Amino acid sequence: MSIVEEPAEVGDVDYGSFFVSMALEEFRCVVQDMENADYVRVTITSSQIKFVAPVDHWETSFTTQEGKCIIGGIEEGEEIKCGISLYPMEFYKAFTSKRVWFFSSCDTNGLLLIAPMGVYTHISSFFPQDIPNGGNTST
């Protein structure tokens, strides 16, 4: 049985929108710590990415000031709110890249998680969202 019953229209990475890059080891900690959560809320600002698991009332954040992540394309005062599923966890725990990247997709509303696997190869996960054009929502 396939997880996706119908092919999803993922679209291309919108390199002109926002991006977040963080160390794979930091992302693995998020995956491990949120193993009981079916859904994880993600909030991205110009200086941090925050993960919240509503079920366990667990949250963690990584900031640019601490050097825990790199964020671009988001203006001061703007934020992006979205959600991701970390299942199957073995998929995310098996990544071998040094970093993972979050991007908006340009053809559809969604968040892409990309883990490079070499110069010409990467693994990506697509999470459908309601991300406005440009990826930014003002607060």
C-alpha atoms as a PDB file:
ATOM      1  CA  MET A   1       0.000   0.000   0.000  1.00  0.00           C
ATOM      2  CA  SER A   2       1.329   3.409  -0.954  1.00  0.00           C
ATOM      3  CA  ILE A   3       1.345   6.272   1.543  1.00  0.00           C
ATOM      4  CA  VAL A   4       0.289   8.646  -1.244  1.00  0.00           C
ATOM      5  CA  GLU A   5      -2.736   7.308  -3.114  1.00  0.00           C
ATOM      6  CA  GLU A   6      -2.529   9.896  -5.881  1.00  0.00           C
ATOM      7  CA  PRO A   7       0.608  11.565  -7.205  1.00  0.00           C
ATOM      8  CA  ALA A   8       1.098  14.907  -5.472  1.00  0.00           C
ATOM      9  CA  GLU A   9       1.956  18.022  -7.453  1.00  0.00           C
ATOM     10  CA  VAL A  10       5.044  19.136  -5.572  1.00  0.00           C
ATOM     11  CA  GLY A  11       6.406  21.825  -7.856  1.00  0.00           C
ATOM     12  CA  ASP A  12       9.869  23.289  -8.003  1.00  0.00           C
ATOM     13  CA  VAL A  13      11.816  24.824  -5.156  1.00  0.00           C
ATOM     14  CA  ASP A  14      11.186  28.560  -4.906  1.00  0.00           C
ATOM     15  CA  TYR A  15      14.752  29.755  -4.415  1.00  0.00           C
ATOM     16  CA  GLY A  16      13.502  33.364  -4.558  1.00  0.00           C
ATOM     17  CA  SER A  17      11.410  32.955  -1.420  1.00  0.00           C
ATOM     18  CA  PHE A  18      12.601  32.010   2.059  1.00  0.00           C
ATOM     19  CA  PHE A  19      14.990  29.278   3.144  1.00  0.00           C
ATOM     20  CA  VAL A  20      16.154  27.717   6.391  1.00  0.00           C
ATOM     21  CA  SER A  21      19.232  25.554   6.770  1.00  0.00           C
ATOM     22  CA  MET A  22      20.121  23.649   9.915  1.00  0.00           C
ATOM     23  CA  ALA A  23      22.541  20.906  10.900  1.00  0.00           C
ATOM     24  CA  LEU A  24      21.237  17.390  10.361  1.00  0.00           C
ATOM     25  CA  GLU A  25      22.133  16.435  13.941  1.00  0.00           C
ATOM     26  CA  GLU A  26      19.935  19.258  15.272  1.00  0.00           C
ATOM     27  CA  PHE A  27      17.045  18.127  13.055  1.00  0.00           C
ATOM     28  CA  ARG A  28      17.511  14.521  14.196  1.00  0.00           C
ATOM     29  CA  CYS A  29      17.093  15.724  17.791  1.00  0.00           C
ATOM     30  CA  VAL A  30      13.771  17.308  16.800  1.00  0.00           C
ATOM     31  CA  VAL A  31      12.648  14.054  15.170  1.00  0.00           C
ATOM     32  CA  GLN A  32      13.694  11.999  18.211  1.00  0.00           C
ATOM     33  CA  ASP A  33      12.184  14.359  20.779  1.00  0.00           C
ATOM     34  CA  MET A  34       8.870  14.610  18.942  1.00  0.00           C
ATOM     35  CA  GLU A  35       8.407  10.911  18.290  1.00  0.00           C
ATOM     36  CA  ASN A  36       4.931  10.873  19.877  1.00  0.00           C
ATOM     37  CA  ALA A  37       3.599  13.732  17.749  1.00  0.00           C
ATOM     38  CA  ASP A  38       1.716  13.067  14.526  1.00  0.00           C
ATOM     39  CA  TYR A  39       1.953  16.732  13.603  1.00  0.00           C
ATOM     40  CA  VAL A  40       4.551  19.369  14.440  1.00  0.00           C
ATOM     41  CA  ARG A  41       3.906  23.098  14.112  1.00  0.00           C
ATOM     42  CA  VAL A  42       6.754  25.109  12.609  1.00  0.00           C
ATOM     43  CA  THR A  43       7.165  28.874  12.923  1.00  0.00           C
ATOM     44  CA  ILE A  44       9.936  30.594  10.991  1.00  0.00           C
ATOM     45  CA  THR A  45      11.026  34.204  11.533  1.00  0.00           C
ATOM     46  CA  SER A  46      14.057  36.120  10.331  1.00  0.00           C
ATOM     47  CA  SER A  47      16.023  34.925  13.367  1.00  0.00           C
ATOM     48  CA  GLN A  48      14.651  31.525  14.434  1.00  0.00           C
ATOM     49  CA  ILE A  49      12.857  28.329  13.510  1.00  0.00           C
ATOM     50  CA  LYS A  50      10.605  26.886  16.215  1.00  0.00           C
ATOM     51  CA  PHE A  51       9.110  23.382  16.357  1.00  0.00           C
ATOM     52  CA  VAL A  52       6.097  22.711  18.608  1.00  0.00           C
ATOM     53  CA  ALA A  53       4.427  19.363  19.305  1.00  0.00           C
ATOM     54  CA  PRO A  54       0.945  20.222  20.632  1.00  0.00           C
ATOM     55  CA  VAL A  55       0.347  16.693  21.965  1.00  0.00           C
ATOM     56  CA  ASP A  56       3.311  16.668  24.356  1.00  0.00           C
ATOM     57  CA  HIS A  57       3.422  20.440  24.907  1.00  0.00           C
ATOM     58  CA  TRP A  58       7.030  20.188  23.739  1.00  0.00           C
ATOM     59  CA  GLU A  59       8.862  22.870  21.825  1.00  0.00           C
ATOM     60  CA  THR A  60      12.365  23.765  20.762  1.00  0.00           C
ATOM     61  CA  SER A  61      13.847  26.524  18.688  1.00  0.00           C
ATOM     62  CA  PHE A  62      17.069  27.196  16.835  1.00  0.00           C
ATOM     63  CA  THR A  63      18.323  30.736  16.355  1.00  0.00           C
ATOM     64  CA  THR A  64      20.624  32.463  13.926  1.00  0.00           C
ATOM     65  CA  GLN A  65      22.224  34.346  16.836  1.00  0.00           C
ATOM     66  CA  GLU A  66      23.386  31.070  18.385  1.00  0.00           C
ATOM     67  CA  GLY A  67      24.565  29.829  14.986  1.00  0.00           C
ATOM     68  CA  LYS A  68      22.087  26.925  15.073  1.00  0.00           C
ATOM     69  CA  CYS A  69      20.454  27.795  11.736  1.00  0.00           C
ATOM     70  CA  ILE A  70      20.735  30.007   8.678  1.00  0.00           C
ATOM     71  CA  ILE A  71      17.597  31.862   7.563  1.00  0.00           C
ATOM     72  CA  GLY A  72      17.108  34.031   4.506  1.00  0.00           C
ATOM     73  CA  GLY A  73      14.315  35.754   2.630  1.00  0.00           C
ATOM     74  CA  ILE A  74      12.218  36.709   5.649  1.00  0.00           C
ATOM     75  CA  GLU A  75      11.955  40.348   6.678  1.00  0.00           C
ATOM     76  CA  GLU A  76      12.103  41.452  10.316  1.00  0.00           C
ATOM     77  CA  GLY A  77       8.588  41.198  11.815  1.00  0.00           C
ATOM     78  CA  GLU A  78       7.352  38.609   9.304  1.00  0.00           C
ATOM     79  CA  GLU A  79       6.799  34.942  10.072  1.00  0.00           C
ATOM     80  CA  ILE A  80       5.828  31.760   8.321  1.00  0.00           C
ATOM     81  CA  LYS A  81       3.594  29.268  10.110  1.00  0.00           C
ATOM     82  CA  CYS A  82       3.249  25.761   8.775  1.00  0.00           C
ATOM     83  CA  GLY A  83       3.222  22.168   9.889  1.00  0.00           C
ATOM     84  CA  ILE A  84       5.065  18.974   9.142  1.00  0.00           C
ATOM     85  CA  SER A  85       4.665  15.290   9.855  1.00  0.00           C
ATOM     86  CA  LEU A  86       7.754  13.397  10.969  1.00  0.00           C
ATOM     87  CA  TYR A  87       6.447   9.964   9.982  1.00  0.00           C
ATOM     88  CA  PRO A  88       7.948   7.619   9.060  1.00  0.00           C
ATOM     89  CA  MET A  89      10.681   8.651  11.500  1.00  0.00           C
ATOM     90  CA  GLU A  90      13.127   6.101  10.139  1.00  0.00           C
ATOM     91  CA  PHE A  91      13.101   8.063   6.885  1.00  0.00           C
ATOM     92  CA  TYR A  92      14.346  11.220   8.605  1.00  0.00           C
ATOM     93  CA  LYS A  93      16.747   9.378  10.905  1.00  0.00           C
ATOM     94  CA  ALA A  94      18.396   7.774   7.850  1.00  0.00           C
ATOM     95  CA  PHE A  95      19.458  11.078   6.248  1.00  0.00           C
ATOM     96  CA  THR A  96      23.219  11.245   5.705  1.00  0.00           C
ATOM     97  CA  SER A  97      23.729  14.874   4.687  1.00  0.00           C
ATOM     98  CA  LYS A  98      25.368  17.389   6.992  1.00  0.00           C
ATOM     99  CA  ARG A  99      22.437  19.828   6.734  1.00  0.00           C
ATOM    100  CA  VAL A 100      18.727  19.908   5.933  1.00  0.00           C
ATOM    101  CA  TRP A 101      17.010  22.761   4.120  1.00  0.00           C
ATOM    102  CA  PHE A 102      13.451  24.111   4.209  1.00  0.00           C
ATOM    103  CA  PHE A 103      12.093  25.950   1.153  1.00  0.00           C
ATOM    104  CA  SER A 104       8.748  27.034  -0.242  1.00  0.00           C
ATOM    105  CA  SER A 105       7.611  25.409  -3.479  1.00  0.00           C
ATOM    106  CA  CYS A 106       6.847  27.819  -6.317  1.00  0.00           C
ATOM    107  CA  ASP A 107       4.161  25.915  -8.252  1.00  0.00           C
ATOM    108  CA  THR A 108       2.046  24.850  -5.276  1.00  0.00           C
ATOM    109  CA  ASN A 109       1.518  25.950  -1.703  1.00  0.00           C
ATOM    110  CA  GLY A 110       3.833  23.807   0.294  1.00  0.00           C
ATOM    111  CA  LEU A 111       6.949  23.438   2.360  1.00  0.00           C
ATOM    112  CA  LEU A 112       9.840  21.354   1.054  1.00  0.00           C
ATOM    113  CA  LEU A 113      12.368  19.668   3.339  1.00  0.00           C
ATOM    114  CA  ILE A 114      15.491  18.792   1.377  1.00  0.00           C
ATOM    115  CA  ALA A 115      18.454  16.664   2.445  1.00  0.00           C
ATOM    116  CA  PRO A 116      21.322  16.666  -0.078  1.00  0.00           C
ATOM    117  CA  MET A 117      22.770  13.224  -0.807  1.00  0.00           C
ATOM    118  CA  GLY A 118      25.642  14.317  -3.025  1.00  0.00           C
ATOM    119  CA  VAL A 119      26.380  16.856  -5.705  1.00  0.00           C
ATOM    120  CA  TYR A 120      23.456  15.915  -7.971  1.00  0.00           C
ATOM    121  CA  THR A 121      21.069  14.057  -5.671  1.00  0.00           C
ATOM    122  CA  HIS A 122      18.795  14.941  -2.783  1.00  0.00           C
ATOM    123  CA  ILE A 123      15.880  13.499  -0.861  1.00  0.00           C
ATOM    124  CA  SER A 124      12.893  15.767  -0.381  1.00  0.00           C
ATOM    125  CA  SER A 125       9.665  15.702   1.589  1.00  0.00           C
ATOM    126  CA  PHE A 126       6.701  17.855   0.605  1.00  0.00           C
ATOM    127  CA  PHE A 127       4.248  19.178   3.180  1.00  0.00           C
ATOM    128  CA  PRO A 128       1.150  20.856   1.654  1.00  0.00           C
ATOM    129  CA  GLN A 129       0.407  24.237   3.261  1.00  0.00           C
ATOM    130  CA  ASP A 130      -1.354  27.495   2.707  1.00  0.00           C
ATOM    131  CA  ILE A 131       1.821  29.537   2.213  1.00  0.00           C
ATOM    132  CA  PRO A 132       1.014  32.824   0.450  1.00  0.00           C
ATOM    133  CA  ASN A 133       3.085  33.806  -2.587  1.00  0.00           C
ATOM    134  CA  GLY A 134       6.531  34.762  -1.398  1.00  0.00           C
ATOM    135  CA  GLY A 135       6.080  32.557   1.650  1.00  0.00           C
ATOM    136  CA  ASN A 136       5.720  35.405   4.114  1.00  0.00           C
ATOM    137  CA  THR A 137       2.826  36.203   6.388  1.00  0.00           C
ATOM    138  CA  SER A 138       2.930  39.345   8.468  1.00  0.00           C
ATOM    139  CA  THR A 139       2.082  39.262  12.131  1.00  0.00           C
END
